[in-house]
PDB file of N, CA and C in Angstrom:
ATOM      1  N   UNK A   1      -8.906 -26.605 -11.295  1.00  0.00           N
ATOM      2  CA  UNK A   1      -7.993 -25.687 -10.996  1.00  0.00           C
ATOM      3  C   UNK A   1      -8.205 -24.839 -10.054  1.00  0.00           C
ATOM      4  N   UNK A   2      -7.434 -24.430  -9.207  1.00  0.00           N
ATOM      5  CA  UNK A   2      -8.077 -23.276  -7.962  1.00  0.00           C
ATOM      6  C   UNK A   2      -7.215 -22.170  -8.356  1.00  0.00           C
ATOM      7  N   UNK A   3      -8.190 -20.810  -8.494  1.00  0.00           N
ATOM      8  CA  UNK A   3      -7.762 -19.924  -8.726  1.00  0.00           C
ATOM      9  C   UNK A   3      -7.986 -18.871  -7.527  1.00  0.00           C
ATOM     10  N   UNK A   4      -8.319 -19.181  -6.388  1.00  0.00           N
ATOM     11  CA  UNK A   4      -8.323 -18.264  -5.570  1.00  0.00           C
ATOM     12  C   UNK A   4      -7.070 -17.588  -4.737  1.00  0.00           C
ATOM     13  N   UNK A   5      -5.748 -18.285  -5.061  1.00  0.00           N
ATOM     14  CA  UNK A   5      -4.730 -17.322  -4.564  1.00  0.00           C
ATOM     15  C   UNK A   5      -4.189 -16.622  -5.553  1.00  0.00           C
ATOM     16  N   UNK A   6      -4.063 -16.729  -7.097  1.00  0.00           N
ATOM     17  CA  UNK A   6      -4.226 -15.528  -8.013  1.00  0.00           C
ATOM     18  C   UNK A   6      -5.141 -14.561  -7.689  1.00  0.00           C
ATOM     19  N   UNK A   7      -6.001 -14.750  -7.463  1.00  0.00           N
ATOM     20  CA  UNK A   7      -7.374 -13.768  -7.307  1.00  0.00           C
ATOM     21  C   UNK A   7      -7.046 -12.955  -6.262  1.00  0.00           C
ATOM     22  N   UNK A   8      -6.372 -13.564  -5.280  1.00  0.00           N
ATOM     23  CA  UNK A   8      -6.171 -12.863  -3.953  1.00  0.00           C
ATOM     24  C   UNK A   8      -4.981 -12.209  -4.216  1.00  0.00           C
ATOM     25  N   UNK A   9      -3.581 -12.637  -4.733  1.00  0.00           N
ATOM     26  CA  UNK A   9      -2.526 -11.894  -5.111  1.00  0.00           C
ATOM     27  C   UNK A   9      -3.242 -10.251  -6.129  1.00  0.00           C
ATOM     28  N   UNK A  10      -4.025 -10.784  -7.350  1.00  0.00           N
ATOM     29  CA  UNK A  10      -4.432  -9.641  -7.959  1.00  0.00           C
ATOM     30  C   UNK A  10      -5.096  -8.460  -7.496  1.00  0.00           C
ATOM     31  N   UNK A  11      -6.148  -9.130  -6.341  1.00  0.00           N
ATOM     32  CA  UNK A  11      -6.679  -8.037  -5.713  1.00  0.00           C
ATOM     33  C   UNK A  11      -6.182  -7.493  -4.493  1.00  0.00           C
ATOM     34  N   UNK A  12      -5.063  -7.740  -4.254  1.00  0.00           N
ATOM     35  CA  UNK A  12      -3.774  -7.212  -2.819  1.00  0.00           C
ATOM     36  C   UNK A  12      -3.194  -6.390  -3.771  1.00  0.00           C
ATOM     37  N   UNK A  13      -2.809  -6.931  -4.935  1.00  0.00           N
ATOM     38  CA  UNK A  13      -2.154  -5.568  -5.902  1.00  0.00           C
ATOM     39  C   UNK A  13      -2.711  -4.400  -6.207  1.00  0.00           C
ATOM     40  N   UNK A  14      -3.879  -4.506  -6.677  1.00  0.00           N
ATOM     41  CA  UNK A  14      -4.998  -3.819  -7.131  1.00  0.00           C
ATOM     42  C   UNK A  14      -5.219  -2.603  -5.822  1.00  0.00           C
ATOM     43  N   UNK A  15      -5.327  -3.105  -4.337  1.00  0.00           N
ATOM     44  CA  UNK A  15      -5.638  -2.223  -3.877  1.00  0.00           C
ATOM     45  C   UNK A  15      -4.078  -1.509  -3.308  1.00  0.00           C
ATOM     46  N   UNK A  16      -3.350  -2.152  -3.454  1.00  0.00           N
ATOM     47  CA  UNK A  16      -1.796  -1.684  -3.233  1.00  0.00           C
ATOM     48  C   UNK A  16      -1.267  -0.390  -4.116  1.00  0.00           C
ATOM     49  N   UNK A  17      -2.010  -0.671  -5.366  1.00  0.00           N
ATOM     50  CA  UNK A  17      -1.807   0.701  -6.478  1.00  0.00           C
ATOM     51  C   UNK A  17      -2.668   1.521  -6.123  1.00  0.00           C
ATOM     52  N   UNK A  18      -3.959   1.206  -6.045  1.00  0.00           N
ATOM     53  CA  UNK A  18      -4.957   2.026  -5.336  1.00  0.00           C
ATOM     54  C   UNK A  18      -4.517   3.324  -4.324  1.00  0.00           C
ATOM     55  N   UNK A  19      -3.957   2.524  -2.990  1.00  0.00           N
ATOM     56  CA  UNK A  19      -3.328   3.267  -2.051  1.00  0.00           C
ATOM     57  C   UNK A  19      -2.413   4.102  -2.664  1.00  0.00           C
ATOM     58  N   UNK A  20      -1.196   3.717  -3.107  1.00  0.00           N
ATOM     59  CA  UNK A  20      -0.306   4.449  -3.837  1.00  0.00           C
ATOM     60  C   UNK A  20      -0.745   5.737  -4.455  1.00  0.00           C
ATOM     61  N   UNK A  21      -1.468   5.741  -5.745  1.00  0.00           N
ATOM     62  CA  UNK A  21      -2.327   6.541  -6.585  1.00  0.00           C
ATOM     63  C   UNK A  21      -3.183   7.745  -5.301  1.00  0.00           C
ATOM     64  N   UNK A  22      -3.926   7.103  -4.543  1.00  0.00           N
ATOM     65  CA  UNK A  22      -4.599   8.457  -3.658  1.00  0.00           C
ATOM     66  C   UNK A  22      -3.469   9.000  -2.596  1.00  0.00           C
ATOM     67  N   UNK A  23      -2.643   8.570  -1.982  1.00  0.00           N
ATOM     68  CA  UNK A  23      -1.944   9.312  -1.511  1.00  0.00           C
ATOM     69  C   UNK A  23      -0.835  10.354  -2.456  1.00  0.00           C
ATOM     70  N   UNK A  24      -0.396   9.821  -3.438  1.00  0.00           N
ATOM     71  CA  UNK A  24       0.019  10.745  -4.423  1.00  0.00           C
ATOM     72  C   UNK A  24      -0.689  12.200  -4.718  1.00  0.00           C
ATOM     73  N   UNK A  25      -2.151  11.488  -5.214  1.00  0.00           N
ATOM     74  CA  UNK A  25      -2.949  12.783  -5.249  1.00  0.00           C
ATOM     75  C   UNK A  25      -3.296  13.464  -4.299  1.00  0.00           C
ATOM     76  N   UNK A  26      -2.933  13.355  -2.803  1.00  0.00           N
ATOM     77  CA  UNK A  26      -3.148  14.196  -2.185  1.00  0.00           C
ATOM     78  C   UNK A  26      -1.612  15.010  -1.835  1.00  0.00           C
ATOM     79  N   UNK A  27      -0.880  14.473  -2.666  1.00  0.00           N
ATOM     80  CA  UNK A  27       0.517  15.400  -2.469  1.00  0.00           C
ATOM     81  C   UNK A  27       1.234  14.839  -1.660  1.00  0.00           C
ATOM     82  N   UNK A  28       1.013  13.864  -0.998  1.00  0.00           N
ATOM     83  CA  UNK A  28       2.347  12.800  -0.222  1.00  0.00           C
ATOM     84  C   UNK A  28       2.964  12.815  -0.883  1.00  0.00           C
ATOM     85  N   UNK A  29       4.700  12.479  -0.390  1.00  0.00           N
ATOM     86  CA  UNK A  29       5.581  11.672  -0.323  1.00  0.00           C
ATOM     87  C   UNK A  29       5.562  10.247   0.089  1.00  0.00           C
ATOM     88  N   UNK A  30       5.792   9.845  -1.249  1.00  0.00           N
ATOM     89  CA  UNK A  30       5.618   7.920  -1.114  1.00  0.00           C
ATOM     90  C   UNK A  30       7.092   7.771  -1.901  1.00  0.00           C
ATOM     91  N   UNK A  31       7.543   6.726  -1.103  1.00  0.00           N
ATOM     92  CA  UNK A  31       8.709   5.871  -1.438  1.00  0.00           C
ATOM     93  C   UNK A  31       8.115   4.513  -2.238  1.00  0.00           C
ATOM     94  N   UNK A  32       9.012   4.100  -2.840  1.00  0.00           N
ATOM     95  CA  UNK A  32       9.593   2.718  -3.737  1.00  0.00           C
ATOM     96  C   UNK A  32       9.587   1.831  -2.560  1.00  0.00           C
ATOM     97  N   UNK A  33       9.255   0.411  -2.391  1.00  0.00           N
ATOM     98  CA  UNK A  33       8.807  -0.132  -1.200  1.00  0.00           C
ATOM     99  C   UNK A  33      10.843  -1.130  -1.250  1.00  0.00           C
ATOM    100  N   UNK A  34      10.778  -1.211  -2.459  1.00  0.00           N
ATOM    101  CA  UNK A  34      11.996  -1.718  -3.072  1.00  0.00           C
ATOM    102  C   UNK A  34      13.582  -1.037  -2.613  1.00  0.00           C
ATOM    103  N   UNK A  35      13.488  -0.211  -3.422  1.00  0.00           N
ATOM    104  CA  UNK A  35      14.346   1.053  -3.684  1.00  0.00           C
ATOM    105  C   UNK A  35      14.467   2.009  -2.493  1.00  0.00           C
ATOM    106  N   UNK A  36      13.525   2.621  -1.834  1.00  0.00           N
ATOM    107  CA  UNK A  36      13.513   3.517  -1.571  1.00  0.00           C
ATOM    108  C   UNK A  36      13.566   4.787  -1.800  1.00  0.00           C
ATOM    109  N   UNK A  37      13.047   4.969  -3.381  1.00  0.00           N
ATOM    110  CA  UNK A  37      13.407   6.586  -3.702  1.00  0.00           C
ATOM    111  C   UNK A  37      12.226   6.545  -4.093  1.00  0.00           C
ATOM    112  N   UNK A  38      12.044   8.305  -4.035  1.00  0.00           N
ATOM    113  CA  UNK A  38      10.897   8.525  -4.490  1.00  0.00           C
ATOM    114  C   UNK A  38       9.781   7.977  -5.326  1.00  0.00           C
ATOM    115  N   UNK A  39       8.962   8.116  -5.231  1.00  0.00           N
ATOM    116  CA  UNK A  39       7.825   7.770  -6.538  1.00  0.00           C
ATOM    117  C   UNK A  39       7.190   9.090  -6.699  1.00  0.00           C
ATOM    118  N   UNK A  40       7.021   8.952  -8.119  1.00  0.00           N
ATOM    119  CA  UNK A  40       6.515  10.543  -8.417  1.00  0.00           C
ATOM    120  C   UNK A  40       5.607  10.547 -10.004  1.00  0.00           C
ATOM    121  N   UNK A  41       4.939  11.346 -10.117  1.00  0.00           N
ATOM    122  CA  UNK A  41       3.855  11.170 -10.670  1.00  0.00           C
ATOM    123  C   UNK A  41       4.068  12.015 -12.137  1.00  0.00           C
ATOM    124  N   UNK A  42       4.343  11.200 -13.548  1.00  0.00           N
ATOM    125  CA  UNK A  42       4.529  12.447 -14.394  1.00  0.00           C
ATOM    126  C   UNK A  42       3.683  11.879 -15.755  1.00  0.00           C
ATOM    127  N   UNK A  43       3.596  12.804 -16.626  1.00  0.00           N
ATOM    128  CA  UNK A  43       2.776  12.768 -17.511  1.00  0.00           C
ATOM    129  C   UNK A  43       3.741  12.059 -18.716  1.00  0.00           C
ATOM    130  N   UNK A  44       3.541  10.924 -18.992  1.00  0.00           N
ATOM    131  CA  UNK A  44       4.524  10.092 -20.025  1.00  0.00           C
ATOM    132  C   UNK A  44       4.374  10.263 -21.513  1.00  0.00           C
ATOM    133  N   UNK A  45       2.782  10.669 -21.822  1.00  0.00           N
ATOM    134  CA  UNK A  45       2.635  10.505 -23.277  1.00  0.00           C
ATOM    135  C   UNK A  45       1.131  11.036 -23.421  1.00  0.00           C
ATOM    136  N   UNK A  46       0.818  11.457 -24.437  1.00  0.00           N
ATOM    137  CA  UNK A  46      -0.557  12.067 -24.125  1.00  0.00           C
ATOM    138  C   UNK A  46      -1.832  11.283 -23.848  1.00  0.00           C
ATOM    139  N   UNK A  47      -2.705  11.619 -22.916  1.00  0.00           N
ATOM    140  CA  UNK A  47      -3.545  10.886 -22.541  1.00  0.00           C
ATOM    141  C   UNK A  47      -2.978   9.832 -21.329  1.00  0.00           C
ATOM    142  N   UNK A  48      -1.945   9.447 -20.827  1.00  0.00           N
ATOM    143  CA  UNK A  48      -1.403   8.625 -19.788  1.00  0.00           C
ATOM    144  C   UNK A  48      -0.247   9.422 -18.758  1.00  0.00           C
ATOM    145  N   UNK A  49      -0.384   8.763 -17.803  1.00  0.00           N
ATOM    146  CA  UNK A  49       0.372   9.725 -16.473  1.00  0.00           C
ATOM    147  C   UNK A  49       0.827   8.011 -16.082  1.00  0.00           C
ATOM    148  N   UNK A  50       2.180   8.197 -15.157  1.00  0.00           N
ATOM    149  CA  UNK A  50       2.678   7.068 -14.516  1.00  0.00           C
ATOM    150  C   UNK A  50       3.457   7.379 -13.308  1.00  0.00           C
ATOM    151  N   UNK A  51       3.007   6.559 -12.729  1.00  0.00           N
ATOM    152  CA  UNK A  51       3.757   6.855 -11.021  1.00  0.00           C
ATOM    153  C   UNK A  51       4.789   5.643 -11.119  1.00  0.00           C
ATOM    154  N   UNK A  52       5.727   6.648 -10.983  1.00  0.00           N
ATOM    155  CA  UNK A  52       7.054   5.589 -11.312  1.00  0.00           C
ATOM    156  C   UNK A  52       8.075   6.117  -9.969  1.00  0.00           C
ATOM    157  N   UNK A  53       9.101   5.216  -9.963  1.00  0.00           N
ATOM    158  CA  UNK A  53      10.663   5.435  -8.985  1.00  0.00           C
ATOM    159  C   UNK A  53      11.441   5.945  -9.598  1.00  0.00           C
ATOM    160  N   UNK A  54      12.768   6.129  -9.026  1.00  0.00           N
ATOM    161  CA  UNK A  54      13.559   6.616  -9.930  1.00  0.00           C
ATOM    162  C   UNK A  54      14.305   5.583 -10.796  1.00  0.00           C
ATOM    163  N   UNK A  55      14.875   4.688 -10.068  1.00  0.00           N
ATOM    164  CA  UNK A  55      15.176   3.134 -10.969  1.00  0.00           C
ATOM    165  C   UNK A  55      14.092   2.327 -11.745  1.00  0.00           C
ATOM    166  N   UNK A  56      12.746   2.541 -11.864  1.00  0.00           N
ATOM    167  CA  UNK A  56      11.852   1.998 -12.477  1.00  0.00           C
ATOM    168  C   UNK A  56      11.458   0.560 -11.486  1.00  0.00           C
ATOM    169  N   UNK A  57      11.670   0.318 -10.469  1.00  0.00           N
ATOM    170  CA  UNK A  57      11.221  -0.421  -9.570  1.00  0.00           C
ATOM    171  C   UNK A  57       9.601  -0.777  -9.688  1.00  0.00           C
ATOM    172  N   UNK A  58       9.000   0.618  -9.503  1.00  0.00           N
ATOM    173  CA  UNK A  58       7.812   0.753  -9.238  1.00  0.00           C
ATOM    174  C   UNK A  58       7.429   1.676 -10.661  1.00  0.00           C
ATOM    175  N   UNK A  59       6.238   1.347 -11.357  1.00  0.00           N
ATOM    176  CA  UNK A  59       5.859   1.753 -12.226  1.00  0.00           C
ATOM    177  C   UNK A  59       4.559   1.373 -12.967  1.00  0.00           C
ATOM    178  N   UNK A  60       3.846   2.261 -12.122  1.00  0.00           N
ATOM    179  CA  UNK A  60       2.436   2.095 -12.666  1.00  0.00           C
ATOM    180  C   UNK A  60       1.727   3.139 -13.781  1.00  0.00           C
ATOM    181  N   UNK A  61       1.150   2.368 -14.735  1.00  0.00           N
ATOM    182  CA  UNK A  61       0.722   3.265 -16.405  1.00  0.00           C
ATOM    183  C   UNK A  61      -0.942   3.789 -15.919  1.00  0.00           C
ATOM    184  N   UNK A  62      -1.204   4.802 -15.929  1.00  0.00           N
ATOM    185  CA  UNK A  62      -2.553   5.349 -15.562  1.00  0.00           C
ATOM    186  C   UNK A  62      -2.758   6.199 -16.896  1.00  0.00           C
ATOM    187  N   UNK A  63      -4.051   5.361 -17.322  1.00  0.00           N
ATOM    188  CA  UNK A  63      -4.782   5.998 -18.848  1.00  0.00           C
ATOM    189  C   UNK A  63      -5.790   7.274 -18.013  1.00  0.00           C
ATOM    190  N   UNK A  64      -5.664   8.283 -18.821  1.00  0.00           N
ATOM    191  CA  UNK A  64      -6.687   9.562 -18.524  1.00  0.00           C
ATOM    192  C   UNK A  64      -7.509   9.627 -19.059  1.00  0.00           C
ATOM    193  N   UNK A  65      -8.880  10.160 -18.343  1.00  0.00           N
ATOM    194  CA  UNK A  65      -9.560  10.647 -19.400  1.00  0.00           C
ATOM    195  C   UNK A  65     -10.897   9.716 -19.524  1.00  0.00           C
TER     196      UNK A  65
END
């Protein structure tokens, strides 16, 4: 079984999420590529933060600490 396509897709997704978080941490305005709504970084629960758009198309959960 050839996993190279799956590995490339996961690597691309990780790189895209990393760029998104870097831009948000610099205070830049980032919009969701799906709905064009602003992506905001919010504390969702103790020890976690969430980068998400208003509609939920983009939703990245981060563990802090």
